Protein backbone atom coordinates (compact mmCIF):
# COMPACT_ATOMS: atom_id res chain seq x y z
CA UNK A 1 0.00 0.00 0.00
CA UNK A 2 2.86 2.35 0.83
CA UNK A 3 4.36 1.74 -2.62
CA UNK A 4 1.06 2.57 -4.31
CA UNK A 5 0.52 5.86 -2.46
CA UNK A 6 4.10 7.09 -2.64
CA UNK A 7 3.88 8.50 -6.20
CA UNK A 8 0.69 10.33 -5.29
CA UNK A 9 2.37 12.01 -2.32
CA UNK A 10 5.70 12.67 -4.02
CA UNK A 11 4.95 16.36 -4.18
CA UNK A 12 3.52 16.72 -0.67
CA UNK A 13 4.10 20.21 0.69
CA UNK A 14 5.33 21.01 4.19
CA UNK A 15 1.83 21.96 5.27
CA UNK A 16 0.50 18.53 4.40
CA UNK A 17 -1.33 19.38 1.15
CA UNK A 18 -0.71 17.01 -1.72
CA UNK A 19 0.67 18.49 -4.93
CA UNK A 20 0.53 16.22 -7.94
CA UNK A 21 3.54 15.81 -10.20
CA UNK A 22 4.15 18.89 -12.31
CA UNK A 23 1.74 21.00 -10.25
CA UNK A 24 2.50 24.43 -8.85
CA UNK A 25 1.74 25.50 -5.25
CA UNK A 26 -1.34 27.70 -5.00
CA UNK A 27 0.65 30.35 -3.09
CA UNK A 28 3.13 30.63 -5.96
CA UNK A 29 0.33 31.06 -8.50
CA UNK A 30 -1.32 33.76 -6.38
CA UNK A 31 2.01 35.55 -5.93
CA UNK A 32 2.71 35.62 -9.66
CA UNK A 33 -0.86 36.68 -10.49
CA UNK A 34 -0.79 39.48 -7.92
CA UNK A 35 2.53 40.69 -9.30
CA UNK A 36 1.13 41.04 -12.81
CA UNK A 37 -2.20 42.45 -11.65
CA UNK A 38 -0.67 45.13 -9.44
CA UNK A 39 2.08 46.14 -11.90
CA UNK A 40 -0.30 46.54 -14.83
CA UNK A 41 -3.25 47.80 -12.80
CA UNK A 42 -1.29 50.85 -11.69
CA UNK A 43 -0.93 51.94 -15.32
CA UNK A 44 -4.64 52.72 -15.30
CA UNK A 45 -3.51 56.06 -13.86
CA UNK A 46 -1.83 56.80 -17.19
CA UNK A 47 -5.02 56.02 -19.06
CA UNK A 48 -7.09 58.23 -16.80
CA UNK A 49 -4.74 61.16 -17.34
CA UNK A 50 -4.49 60.60 -21.10
CA UNK A 51 -8.23 60.19 -21.54
CA UNK A 52 -9.04 63.34 -19.59
CA UNK A 53 -6.35 65.22 -21.51
CA UNK A 54 -7.91 64.17 -24.83
CA UNK A 55 -11.22 65.77 -23.91
CA UNK A 56 -13.25 62.90 -22.46
CA UNK A 57 -15.28 63.57 -19.35
CA UNK A 58 -14.75 61.83 -16.03
CA UNK A 59 -17.83 59.67 -16.62
CA UNK A 60 -16.74 58.69 -20.13
CA UNK A 61 -13.24 57.85 -18.95
CA UNK A 62 -14.42 55.64 -16.09
CA UNK A 63 -17.06 53.98 -18.30
CA UNK A 64 -14.35 52.94 -20.77
CA UNK A 65 -12.34 51.21 -18.05
CA UNK A 66 -15.40 49.59 -16.49
CA UNK A 67 -17.03 48.36 -19.70
CA UNK A 68 -14.23 48.00 -22.25
CA UNK A 69 -11.40 46.95 -19.91
CA UNK A 70 -8.68 46.34 -22.46
CA UNK A 71 -5.88 48.85 -22.09
CA UNK A 72 -4.41 48.81 -25.59
CA UNK A 73 -7.82 49.43 -27.18
CA UNK A 74 -8.62 52.18 -24.69
CA UNK A 75 -5.35 53.97 -25.37
CA UNK A 76 -5.85 53.55 -29.13
CA UNK A 77 -9.29 55.15 -28.88
CA UNK A 78 -8.33 58.18 -26.78
CA UNK A 79 -5.06 58.61 -28.70
CA UNK A 80 -6.89 58.79 -32.02
CA UNK A 81 -9.42 61.24 -30.58
CA UNK A 82 -6.66 63.41 -29.14
CA UNK A 83 -4.99 63.51 -32.57
CA UNK A 84 -8.20 64.82 -34.11
CA UNK A 85 -9.28 61.57 -35.69
CA UNK A 86 -12.85 60.76 -36.66
CA UNK A 87 -14.70 59.17 -33.70
CA UNK A 88 -15.93 56.29 -35.87
CA UNK A 89 -12.43 55.59 -37.19
CA UNK A 90 -11.03 55.76 -33.67
CA UNK A 91 -13.70 53.34 -32.42
CA UNK A 92 -13.07 50.97 -35.35
CA UNK A 93 -9.34 50.91 -34.63
CA UNK A 94 -9.95 50.19 -30.96
CA UNK A 95 -12.48 47.48 -31.84
CA UNK A 96 -10.19 45.60 -34.20
CA UNK A 97 -7.33 45.86 -31.74
CA UNK A 98 -9.61 44.28 -29.13
CA UNK A 99 -10.66 41.42 -31.42
CA UNK A 100 -7.55 39.53 -30.32
CA UNK A 101 -9.29 38.89 -26.99
CA UNK A 102 -11.83 36.72 -28.81
CA UNK A 103 -9.05 34.38 -29.91
CA UNK A 104 -7.67 34.35 -26.37
CA UNK A 105 -11.14 33.33 -25.20
CA UNK A 106 -11.24 30.33 -27.53
CA UNK A 107 -8.05 28.97 -25.97
CA UNK A 108 -8.91 29.82 -22.38
CA UNK A 109 -12.38 28.28 -22.60
CA UNK A 110 -10.79 24.91 -23.34
CA UNK A 111 -8.25 25.31 -20.57
CA UNK A 112 -10.44 26.66 -17.76
CA UNK A 113 -13.70 24.80 -18.52
CA UNK A 114 -15.73 27.16 -16.34
CA UNK A 115 -19.41 26.62 -15.45
CA UNK A 116 -21.77 28.02 -18.07
CA UNK A 117 -23.24 30.61 -15.66
CA UNK A 118 -19.77 32.04 -14.94
CA UNK A 119 -18.55 32.34 -18.53
CA UNK A 120 -20.15 35.72 -19.42
CA UNK A 121 -18.51 37.34 -16.40
CA UNK A 122 -15.17 35.62 -17.02
CA UNK A 123 -15.21 36.76 -20.64
CA UNK A 124 -14.91 40.36 -19.49
CA UNK A 125 -11.54 39.52 -17.94
CA UNK A 126 -10.08 37.83 -21.02
CA UNK A 127 -7.23 40.22 -21.82
CA UNK A 128 -3.49 40.03 -22.51
CA UNK A 129 -2.40 39.82 -18.88
CA UNK A 130 -4.90 37.19 -17.68
CA UNK A 131 -4.16 35.10 -20.77
CA UNK A 132 -0.41 35.27 -20.21
CA UNK A 133 -0.70 34.22 -16.57
CA UNK A 134 -3.24 31.48 -17.28
CA UNK A 135 -1.32 29.87 -20.13
CA UNK A 136 1.82 29.75 -18.00
CA UNK A 137 0.22 27.40 -15.46
CA UNK A 138 0.83 23.61 -15.56
CA UNK A 139 -2.58 22.46 -14.29
CA UNK A 140 -6.22 23.45 -14.64
CA UNK A 141 -6.48 24.32 -10.96
CA UNK A 142 -3.47 26.63 -11.19
CA UNK A 143 -4.84 28.14 -14.41
CA UNK A 144 -8.17 28.96 -12.76
CA UNK A 145 -6.46 30.53 -9.75
CA UNK A 146 -4.12 32.54 -11.95
CA UNK A 147 -6.93 33.77 -14.16
CA UNK A 148 -9.18 34.74 -11.25
CA UNK A 149 -6.55 36.49 -9.13
CA UNK A 150 -5.04 38.35 -12.09
CA UNK A 151 -8.43 39.39 -13.43
CA UNK A 152 -9.82 40.55 -10.10
CA UNK A 153 -6.68 42.43 -9.04
CA UNK A 154 -6.23 44.08 -12.39
CA UNK A 155 -9.90 45.04 -12.80
CA UNK A 156 -10.14 46.67 -9.38
CA UNK A 157 -6.81 48.50 -9.57
CA UNK A 158 -7.24 49.55 -13.21
CA UNK A 159 -10.58 51.19 -12.49
CA UNK A 160 -9.44 52.84 -9.25
CA UNK A 161 -6.30 54.28 -10.84
CA UNK A 162 -8.30 55.38 -13.90
CA UNK A 163 -10.50 57.43 -11.58
CA UNK A 164 -7.49 58.89 -9.75
CA UNK A 165 -5.74 59.71 -13.01
CA UNK A 166 -8.79 61.41 -14.51
CA UNK A 167 -9.28 63.47 -11.37
CA UNK A 168 -5.62 64.47 -11.23
CA UNK A 169 -5.21 65.25 -14.94
CA UNK A 170 -5.85 68.94 -14.41
CA UNK A 171 -3.08 69.19 -11.83
CA UNK A 172 -0.56 67.65 -14.24
CA UNK A 173 -1.12 70.27 -16.91
CA UNK A 174 0.00 69.21 -20.41
CA UNK A 175 -0.49 65.42 -20.28
CA UNK A 176 1.22 64.91 -23.63
CA UNK A 177 4.51 66.13 -22.17
CA UNK A 178 4.55 63.25 -19.68
CA UNK A 179 4.33 60.51 -22.33
CA UNK A 180 1.89 58.54 -20.22
CA UNK A 181 0.01 57.31 -23.30
CA UNK A 182 2.93 54.98 -23.99
CA UNK A 183 2.60 53.11 -20.69
CA UNK A 184 -0.03 50.53 -21.63
CA UNK A 185 1.32 49.85 -25.15
CA UNK A 186 4.75 49.27 -23.60
CA UNK A 187 3.28 46.71 -21.19
CA UNK A 188 1.42 45.06 -24.08
CA UNK A 189 4.64 44.73 -26.10
CA UNK A 190 6.51 43.35 -23.09
CA UNK A 191 3.89 40.60 -22.74
CA UNK A 192 3.70 39.92 -26.46
CA UNK A 193 7.41 39.72 -27.26
CA UNK A 194 8.15 36.39 -25.48
CA UNK A 195 5.18 34.80 -27.26
CA UNK A 196 6.68 35.43 -30.74
CA UNK A 197 8.53 32.13 -30.99
CA UNK A 198 8.41 31.31 -34.71
CA UNK A 199 9.86 33.18 -37.68
CA UNK A 200 6.39 33.65 -39.14
CA UNK A 201 5.14 35.30 -35.94
CA UNK A 202 8.15 37.62 -35.74
CA UNK A 203 7.90 38.63 -39.40
CA UNK A 204 4.16 39.31 -39.03
CA UNK A 205 4.71 41.47 -35.95
CA UNK A 206 7.58 43.33 -37.61
CA UNK A 207 5.59 44.02 -40.77
CA UNK A 208 2.63 45.25 -38.70
CA UNK A 209 4.90 47.71 -36.87
CA UNK A 210 6.41 48.95 -40.15
CA UNK A 211 2.95 49.46 -41.67
CA UNK A 212 1.59 51.28 -38.63
CA UNK A 213 4.58 53.61 -38.21
CA UNK A 214 5.07 54.18 -41.92
CA UNK A 215 1.46 55.16 -42.54
CA UNK A 216 1.08 57.22 -39.37
CA UNK A 217 2.14 60.53 -41.02
CA UNK A 218 -0.04 60.10 -44.12
CA UNK A 219 -3.30 58.52 -42.90
CA UNK A 220 -5.92 59.83 -40.47
CA UNK A 221 -5.52 58.88 -36.81
CA UNK A 222 -6.74 55.35 -36.14
CA UNK A 223 -6.45 54.12 -39.73
CA UNK A 224 -2.80 52.90 -39.54
CA UNK A 225 -3.82 50.42 -36.82
CA UNK A 226 -6.49 48.99 -39.13
CA UNK A 227 -4.09 48.72 -42.08
CA UNK A 228 -1.43 46.99 -39.97
CA UNK A 229 -3.80 44.05 -39.58
CA UNK A 230 -3.06 43.22 -43.24
CA UNK A 231 0.38 42.00 -42.15
CA UNK A 232 -0.98 38.58 -41.16
CA UNK A 233 -2.62 37.60 -44.50
CA UNK A 234 0.32 39.04 -46.46
CA UNK A 235 2.89 36.97 -44.55
CA UNK A 236 0.75 33.81 -44.75
CA UNK A 237 0.30 34.32 -48.51
CA UNK A 238 4.03 34.73 -49.09
CA UNK A 239 4.79 31.73 -46.89
CA UNK A 240 2.35 29.62 -48.93
CA UNK A 241 4.05 30.68 -52.17
CA UNK A 242 7.50 29.82 -50.84
CA UNK A 243 6.42 26.26 -50.09
CA UNK A 244 5.74 25.60 -53.77
CA UNK A 245 3.53 22.75 -55.04
CA UNK A 246 2.61 20.09 -52.52
CA UNK A 247 2.94 16.33 -53.03
CA UNK A 248 -0.58 16.17 -54.34
CA UNK A 249 0.38 18.58 -57.15
CA UNK A 250 3.66 16.89 -58.04
CA UNK A 251 2.21 15.01 -61.01
CA UNK A 252 0.49 18.03 -62.46
CA UNK A 253 3.55 20.25 -62.11
CA UNK A 254 5.88 17.82 -63.84
CA UNK A 255 7.91 17.04 -60.71
CA UNK A 256 9.69 13.70 -60.63
CA UNK A 257 8.11 11.49 -57.96
CA UNK A 258 10.07 9.05 -55.75
CA UNK A 259 8.61 6.15 -57.72
CA UNK A 260 10.28 7.42 -60.87
CA UNK A 261 7.00 8.54 -62.47
CA UNK A 262 6.25 11.95 -63.90
């Protein structure tokens, strides 16, 4: 009996809780999740200041953080408005930038397997940071803890600091001089960079950056973000062309097959 139970208790912690092989202690998951949630949540102050400086009211600024809750899209929206862009173009750019969260949701739904009644509320927390923390966990239990702690911490702090930032924007004077609008995009890039593991992913990201920056001086505010989305289909098309004809097309293309046929 001792031999049968030994593998199950191989990861037993000092406090007596059993940790299965490859699992991660709950305290470690909570610590990592809190670290991400607090660090990113504090940047809501930058959004509050930037949003107020671009002309949005306190109510509008807080509503964006409460209802939209995706920093990159929020900054894209207020940045385009501050630059004099058309509100519809600014909203479209923010929307398409936020579409990535839908793809995150497809992956996280398979990993978390949450009860049906909880899913609509959990969907609101599907963002870059919660996805990064969740995918880094080795077990479903750890993934659920990481997602919940990161989402809750970040949502509360982001909204509180948004309010503080919007209220304090007037005291800061010229918000553009502080460069606070770069805070959230910088965090987004820091989270994204380690996830670009293949050449295709790196080339797509690089082309998107070149398109966005290159078109920024010549297109209305908000439009370069939309155009940069074309990087993905362009890279995939070029990659497909480089592969040449597949085995199923070898006969039609005149390629010599291994059997010696034509």
